[in-house]
Amino acid sequence: MSTISAQMVKDLREKTGLPMMECKQALTESGGDIESAIEWLRKKHKGKMSERADRQTGEGRIGVF
């Protein structure tokens, strides 16, 4: 298992917009691979993303991963 650095968590958070602890957990589960972590997050948050897909955003940051 590789060491998960703060920079790796920060990079994943910037790509996904998800909370830092979610990103750290995804990196831990994927062995430090960013692309695998993104796929893990997609699978984990699939239900949440579909629930929120039709919501309107008035302002703020919007991210798609």
PDB file of N, CA and C in Angstrom:
ATOM      1  N   MET A   1       0.846  -1.176   0.000  1.00  0.00           N
ATOM      2  CA  MET A   1       0.000   0.000   0.000  1.00  0.00           C
ATOM      3  C   MET A   1       0.886   1.232   0.000  1.00  0.00           C
ATOM      4  N   SER A   2       0.566   2.184  -0.827  1.00  0.00           N
ATOM      5  CA  SER A   2       1.370   3.393  -0.908  1.00  0.00           C
ATOM      6  C   SER A   2       0.933   4.419   0.141  1.00  0.00           C
ATOM      7  N   THR A   3       1.812   5.360   0.393  1.00  0.00           N
ATOM      8  CA  THR A   3       1.518   6.419   1.342  1.00  0.00           C
ATOM      9  C   THR A   3       0.654   7.474   0.653  1.00  0.00           C
ATOM     10  N   ILE A   4      -0.401   7.886   1.316  1.00  0.00           N
ATOM     11  CA  ILE A   4      -1.302   8.899   0.788  1.00  0.00           C
ATOM     12  C   ILE A   4      -0.840  10.248   1.326  1.00  0.00           C
ATOM     13  N   SER A   5      -0.410  11.127   0.433  1.00  0.00           N
ATOM     14  CA  SER A   5       0.076  12.441   0.859  1.00  0.00           C
ATOM     15  C   SER A   5      -1.063  13.458   0.858  1.00  0.00           C
ATOM     16  N   ALA A   6      -0.844  14.534   1.561  1.00  0.00           N
ATOM     17  CA  ALA A   6      -1.828  15.615   1.603  1.00  0.00           C
ATOM     18  C   ALA A   6      -2.024  16.212   0.212  1.00  0.00           C
ATOM     19  N   GLN A   7      -0.949  16.262  -0.582  1.00  0.00           N
ATOM     20  CA  GLN A   7      -1.040  16.804  -1.942  1.00  0.00           C
ATOM     21  C   GLN A   7      -1.933  15.926  -2.828  1.00  0.00           C
ATOM     22  N   MET A   8      -1.853  14.613  -2.644  1.00  0.00           N
ATOM     23  CA  MET A   8      -2.702  13.704  -3.418  1.00  0.00           C
ATOM     24  C   MET A   8      -4.174  13.929  -3.078  1.00  0.00           C
ATOM     25  N   VAL A   9      -4.449  14.083  -1.791  1.00  0.00           N
ATOM     26  CA  VAL A   9      -5.829  14.329  -1.356  1.00  0.00           C
ATOM     27  C   VAL A   9      -6.311  15.663  -1.920  1.00  0.00           C
ATOM     28  N   LYS A  10      -5.466  16.670  -1.871  1.00  0.00           N
ATOM     29  CA  LYS A  10      -5.819  17.990  -2.385  1.00  0.00           C
ATOM     30  C   LYS A  10      -6.102  17.936  -3.887  1.00  0.00           C
ATOM     31  N   ASP A  11      -5.258  17.228  -4.635  1.00  0.00           N
ATOM     32  CA  ASP A  11      -5.457  17.106  -6.083  1.00  0.00           C
ATOM     33  C   ASP A  11      -6.778  16.418  -6.410  1.00  0.00           C
ATOM     34  N   LEU A  12      -7.084  15.337  -5.695  1.00  0.00           N
ATOM     35  CA  LEU A  12      -8.338  14.622  -5.925  1.00  0.00           C
ATOM     36  C   LEU A  12      -9.528  15.486  -5.547  1.00  0.00           C
ATOM     37  N   ARG A  13      -9.414  16.225  -4.471  1.00  0.00           N
ATOM     38  CA  ARG A  13     -10.502  17.113  -4.042  1.00  0.00           C
ATOM     39  C   ARG A  13     -10.762  18.198  -5.074  1.00  0.00           C
ATOM     40  N   GLU A  14      -9.697  18.744  -5.670  1.00  0.00           N
ATOM     41  CA  GLU A  14      -9.854  19.767  -6.692  1.00  0.00           C
ATOM     42  C   GLU A  14     -10.524  19.198  -7.941  1.00  0.00           C
ATOM     43  N   LYS A  15     -10.230  17.954  -8.269  1.00  0.00           N
ATOM     44  CA  LYS A  15     -10.828  17.325  -9.443  1.00  0.00           C
ATOM     45  C   LYS A  15     -12.293  16.972  -9.231  1.00  0.00           C
ATOM     46  N   THR A  16     -12.642  16.567  -8.008  1.00  0.00           N
ATOM     47  CA  THR A  16     -13.986  16.061  -7.762  1.00  0.00           C
ATOM     48  C   THR A  16     -14.896  17.024  -7.022  1.00  0.00           C
ATOM     49  N   GLY A  17     -14.326  17.893  -6.191  1.00  0.00           N
ATOM     50  CA  GLY A  17     -15.140  18.798  -5.388  1.00  0.00           C
ATOM     51  C   GLY A  17     -15.760  18.137  -4.169  1.00  0.00           C
ATOM     52  N   LEU A  18     -15.351  16.918  -3.867  1.00  0.00           N
ATOM     53  CA  LEU A  18     -15.892  16.196  -2.716  1.00  0.00           C
ATOM     54  C   LEU A  18     -15.082  16.506  -1.464  1.00  0.00           C
ATOM     55  N   PRO A  19     -15.628  16.201  -0.285  1.00  0.00           N
ATOM     56  CA  PRO A  19     -14.917  16.482   0.965  1.00  0.00           C
ATOM     57  C   PRO A  19     -13.582  15.748   1.053  1.00  0.00           C
ATOM     58  N   MET A  20     -12.661  16.322   1.814  1.00  0.00           N
ATOM     59  CA  MET A  20     -11.313  15.775   1.931  1.00  0.00           C
ATOM     60  C   MET A  20     -11.303  14.351   2.485  1.00  0.00           C
ATOM     61  N   MET A  21     -12.123  14.060   3.462  1.00  0.00           N
ATOM     62  CA  MET A  21     -12.132  12.718   4.043  1.00  0.00           C
ATOM     63  C   MET A  21     -12.643  11.684   3.039  1.00  0.00           C
ATOM     64  N   GLU A  22     -13.592  12.060   2.198  1.00  0.00           N
ATOM     65  CA  GLU A  22     -14.063  11.161   1.141  1.00  0.00           C
ATOM     66  C   GLU A  22     -12.934  10.876   0.162  1.00  0.00           C
ATOM     67  N   CYS A  23     -12.190  11.918  -0.182  1.00  0.00           N
ATOM     68  CA  CYS A  23     -11.074  11.771  -1.109  1.00  0.00           C
ATOM     69  C   CYS A  23      -9.978  10.905  -0.505  1.00  0.00           C
ATOM     70  N   LYS A  24      -9.694  11.101   0.768  1.00  0.00           N
ATOM     71  CA  LYS A  24      -8.672  10.293   1.434  1.00  0.00           C
ATOM     72  C   LYS A  24      -9.091   8.835   1.485  1.00  0.00           C
ATOM     73  N   GLN A  25     -10.345   8.576   1.780  1.00  0.00           N
ATOM     74  CA  GLN A  25     -10.837   7.213   1.820  1.00  0.00           C
ATOM     75  C   GLN A  25     -10.747   6.569   0.440  1.00  0.00           C
ATOM     76  N   ALA A  26     -11.099   7.315  -0.601  1.00  0.00           N
ATOM     77  CA  ALA A  26     -11.027   6.785  -1.963  1.00  0.00           C
ATOM     78  C   ALA A  26      -9.593   6.447  -2.342  1.00  0.00           C
ATOM     79  N   LEU A  27      -8.658   7.320  -1.988  1.00  0.00           N
ATOM     80  CA  LEU A  27      -7.246   7.052  -2.281  1.00  0.00           C
ATOM     81  C   LEU A  27      -6.733   5.844  -1.511  1.00  0.00           C
ATOM     82  N   THR A  28      -7.170   5.697  -0.279  1.00  0.00           N
ATOM     83  CA  THR A  28      -6.767   4.548   0.524  1.00  0.00           C
ATOM     84  C   THR A  28      -7.299   3.257  -0.091  1.00  0.00           C
ATOM     85  N   GLU A  29      -8.564   3.271  -0.484  1.00  0.00           N
ATOM     86  CA  GLU A  29      -9.190   2.095  -1.082  1.00  0.00           C
ATOM     87  C   GLU A  29      -8.565   1.733  -2.426  1.00  0.00           C
ATOM     88  N   SER A  30      -8.077   2.724  -3.159  1.00  0.00           N
ATOM     89  CA  SER A  30      -7.523   2.480  -4.495  1.00  0.00           C
ATOM     90  C   SER A  30      -6.005   2.334  -4.483  1.00  0.00           C
ATOM     91  N   GLY A  31      -5.400   2.330  -3.325  1.00  0.00           N
ATOM     92  CA  GLY A  31      -3.964   2.149  -3.223  1.00  0.00           C
ATOM     93  C   GLY A  31      -3.156   3.344  -3.703  1.00  0.00           C
ATOM     94  N   GLY A  32      -3.740   4.521  -3.670  1.00  0.00           N
ATOM     95  CA  GLY A  32      -3.023   5.735  -4.037  1.00  0.00           C
ATOM     96  C   GLY A  32      -3.150   6.127  -5.494  1.00  0.00           C
ATOM     97  N   ASP A  33      -3.905   5.366  -6.292  1.00  0.00           N
ATOM     98  CA  ASP A  33      -4.087   5.675  -7.711  1.00  0.00           C
ATOM     99  C   ASP A  33      -5.250   6.652  -7.885  1.00  0.00           C
ATOM    100  N   ILE A  34      -4.958   7.835  -8.447  1.00  0.00           N
ATOM    101  CA  ILE A  34      -5.974   8.894  -8.567  1.00  0.00           C
ATOM    102  C   ILE A  34      -7.131   8.458  -9.470  1.00  0.00           C
ATOM    103  N   GLU A  35      -6.823   7.858 -10.613  1.00  0.00           N
ATOM    104  CA  GLU A  35      -7.888   7.449 -11.543  1.00  0.00           C
ATOM    105  C   GLU A  35      -8.788   6.378 -10.930  1.00  0.00           C
ATOM    106  N   SER A  36      -8.208   5.432 -10.228  1.00  0.00           N
ATOM    107  CA  SER A  36      -9.001   4.403  -9.544  1.00  0.00           C
ATOM    108  C   SER A  36      -9.840   5.022  -8.431  1.00  0.00           C
ATOM    109  N   ALA A  37      -9.279   6.020  -7.762  1.00  0.00           N
ATOM    110  CA  ALA A  37     -10.014   6.704  -6.697  1.00  0.00           C
ATOM    111  C   ALA A  37     -11.228   7.437  -7.265  1.00  0.00           C
ATOM    112  N   ILE A  38     -11.063   8.075  -8.418  1.00  0.00           N
ATOM    113  CA  ILE A  38     -12.190   8.764  -9.055  1.00  0.00           C
ATOM    114  C   ILE A  38     -13.282   7.760  -9.411  1.00  0.00           C
ATOM    115  N   GLU A  39     -12.898   6.618  -9.960  1.00  0.00           N
ATOM    116  CA  GLU A  39     -13.876   5.576 -10.302  1.00  0.00           C
ATOM    117  C   GLU A  39     -14.568   5.049  -9.049  1.00  0.00           C
ATOM    118  N   TRP A  40     -13.815   4.876  -7.953  1.00  0.00           N
ATOM    119  CA  TRP A  40     -14.387   4.421  -6.692  1.00  0.00           C
ATOM    120  C   TRP A  40     -15.426   5.418  -6.187  1.00  0.00           C
ATOM    121  N   LEU A  41     -15.098   6.718  -6.287  1.00  0.00           N
ATOM    122  CA  LEU A  41     -16.024   7.754  -5.846  1.00  0.00           C
ATOM    123  C   LEU A  41     -17.273   7.777  -6.712  1.00  0.00           C
ATOM    124  N   ARG A  42     -17.117   7.557  -8.010  1.00  0.00           N
ATOM    125  CA  ARG A  42     -18.289   7.498  -8.899  1.00  0.00           C
ATOM    126  C   ARG A  42     -19.240   6.392  -8.469  1.00  0.00           C
ATOM    127  N   LYS A  43     -18.697   5.223  -8.182  1.00  0.00           N
ATOM    128  CA  LYS A  43     -19.530   4.094  -7.776  1.00  0.00           C
ATOM    129  C   LYS A  43     -20.194   4.366  -6.435  1.00  0.00           C
ATOM    130  N   LYS A  44     -19.437   4.933  -5.501  1.00  0.00           N
ATOM    131  CA  LYS A  44     -19.967   5.185  -4.159  1.00  0.00           C
ATOM    132  C   LYS A  44     -21.056   6.252  -4.160  1.00  0.00           C
ATOM    133  N   HIS A  45     -20.890   7.284  -4.964  1.00  0.00           N
ATOM    134  CA  HIS A  45     -21.812   8.413  -4.951  1.00  0.00           C
ATOM    135  C   HIS A  45     -22.804   8.399  -6.105  1.00  0.00           C
ATOM    136  N   LYS A  46     -22.965   7.273  -6.764  1.00  0.00           N
ATOM    137  CA  LYS A  46     -23.857   7.192  -7.912  1.00  0.00           C
ATOM    138  C   LYS A  46     -25.289   7.580  -7.542  1.00  0.00           C
ATOM    139  N   GLY A  47     -25.787   7.055  -6.439  1.00  0.00           N
ATOM    140  CA  GLY A  47     -27.146   7.367  -6.013  1.00  0.00           C
ATOM    141  C   GLY A  47     -27.311   8.825  -5.647  1.00  0.00           C
ATOM    142  N   LYS A  48     -26.324   9.388  -4.978  1.00  0.00           N
ATOM    143  CA  LYS A  48     -26.394  10.790  -4.580  1.00  0.00           C
ATOM    144  C   LYS A  48     -26.352  11.707  -5.789  1.00  0.00           C
ATOM    145  N   MET A  49     -25.534  11.350  -6.765  1.00  0.00           N
ATOM    146  CA  MET A  49     -25.418  12.187  -7.950  1.00  0.00           C
ATOM    147  C   MET A  49     -26.711  12.175  -8.747  1.00  0.00           C
ATOM    148  N   SER A  50     -27.359  11.014  -8.857  1.00  0.00           N
ATOM    149  CA  SER A  50     -28.600  10.957  -9.617  1.00  0.00           C
ATOM    150  C   SER A  50     -29.732  11.685  -8.891  1.00  0.00           C
ATOM    151  N   GLU A  51     -29.717  11.689  -7.548  1.00  0.00           N
ATOM    152  CA  GLU A  51     -30.728  12.416  -6.786  1.00  0.00           C
ATOM    153  C   GLU A  51     -30.614  13.919  -7.000  1.00  0.00           C
ATOM    154  N   ARG A  52     -29.395  14.401  -7.155  1.00  0.00           N
ATOM    155  CA  ARG A  52     -29.150  15.830  -7.253  1.00  0.00           C
ATOM    156  C   ARG A  52     -29.029  16.328  -8.689  1.00  0.00           C
ATOM    157  N   ALA A  53     -29.161  15.452  -9.656  1.00  0.00           N
ATOM    158  CA  ALA A  53     -28.926  15.819 -11.051  1.00  0.00           C
ATOM    159  C   ALA A  53     -29.906  16.882 -11.547  1.00  0.00           C
ATOM    160  N   ASP A  54     -31.132  16.870 -11.064  1.00  0.00           N
ATOM    161  CA  ASP A  54     -32.128  17.812 -11.558  1.00  0.00           C
ATOM    162  C   ASP A  54     -32.208  19.104 -10.737  1.00  0.00           C
ATOM    163  N   ARG A  55     -31.368  19.250  -9.727  1.00  0.00           N
ATOM    164  CA  ARG A  55     -31.379  20.462  -8.909  1.00  0.00           C
ATOM    165  C   ARG A  55     -30.719  21.616  -9.636  1.00  0.00           C
ATOM    166  N   GLN A  56     -31.271  22.779  -9.494  1.00  0.00           N
ATOM    167  CA  GLN A  56     -30.722  23.986 -10.096  1.00  0.00           C
ATOM    168  C   GLN A  56     -29.702  24.609  -9.156  1.00  0.00           C
ATOM    169  N   THR A  57     -28.646  25.145  -9.723  1.00  0.00           N
ATOM    170  CA  THR A  57     -27.622  25.830  -8.942  1.00  0.00           C
ATOM    171  C   THR A  57     -27.652  27.305  -9.314  1.00  0.00           C
ATOM    172  N   GLY A  58     -27.949  28.138  -8.339  1.00  0.00           N
ATOM    173  CA  GLY A  58     -28.010  29.567  -8.588  1.00  0.00           C
ATOM    174  C   GLY A  58     -26.635  30.201  -8.698  1.00  0.00           C
ATOM    175  N   GLU A  59     -25.733  29.753  -7.847  1.00  0.00           N
ATOM    176  CA  GLU A  59     -24.370  30.264  -7.870  1.00  0.00           C
ATOM    177  C   GLU A  59     -23.472  29.267  -7.164  1.00  0.00           C
ATOM    178  N   GLY A  60     -22.188  29.390  -7.383  1.00  0.00           N
ATOM    179  CA  GLY A  60     -21.232  28.498  -6.756  1.00  0.00           C
ATOM    180  C   GLY A  60     -20.467  27.708  -7.790  1.00  0.00           C
ATOM    181  N   ARG A  61     -19.705  26.757  -7.313  1.00  0.00           N
ATOM    182  CA  ARG A  61     -18.854  25.954  -8.185  1.00  0.00           C
ATOM    183  C   ARG A  61     -19.586  24.684  -8.588  1.00  0.00           C
ATOM    184  N   ILE A  62     -19.465  24.340  -9.858  1.00  0.00           N
ATOM    185  CA  ILE A  62     -20.060  23.124 -10.380  1.00  0.00           C
ATOM    186  C   ILE A  62     -18.935  22.274 -10.934  1.00  0.00           C
ATOM    187  N   GLY A  63     -18.889  21.015 -10.557  1.00  0.00           N
ATOM    188  CA  GLY A  63     -17.836  20.131 -11.049  1.00  0.00           C
ATOM    189  C   GLY A  63     -18.418  18.822 -11.538  1.00  0.00           C
ATOM    190  N   VAL A  64     -17.824  18.289 -12.560  1.00  0.00           N
ATOM    191  CA  VAL A  64     -18.234  17.001 -13.100  1.00  0.00           C
ATOM    192  C   VAL A  64     -17.010  16.119 -13.142  1.00  0.00           C
ATOM    193  N   PHE A  65     -17.158  14.913 -12.660  1.00  0.00           N
ATOM    194  CA  PHE A  65     -16.040  13.980 -12.732  1.00  0.00           C
ATOM    195  C   PHE A  65     -16.486  12.675 -13.283  1.00  0.00           C
TER     196      PHE A  65
END
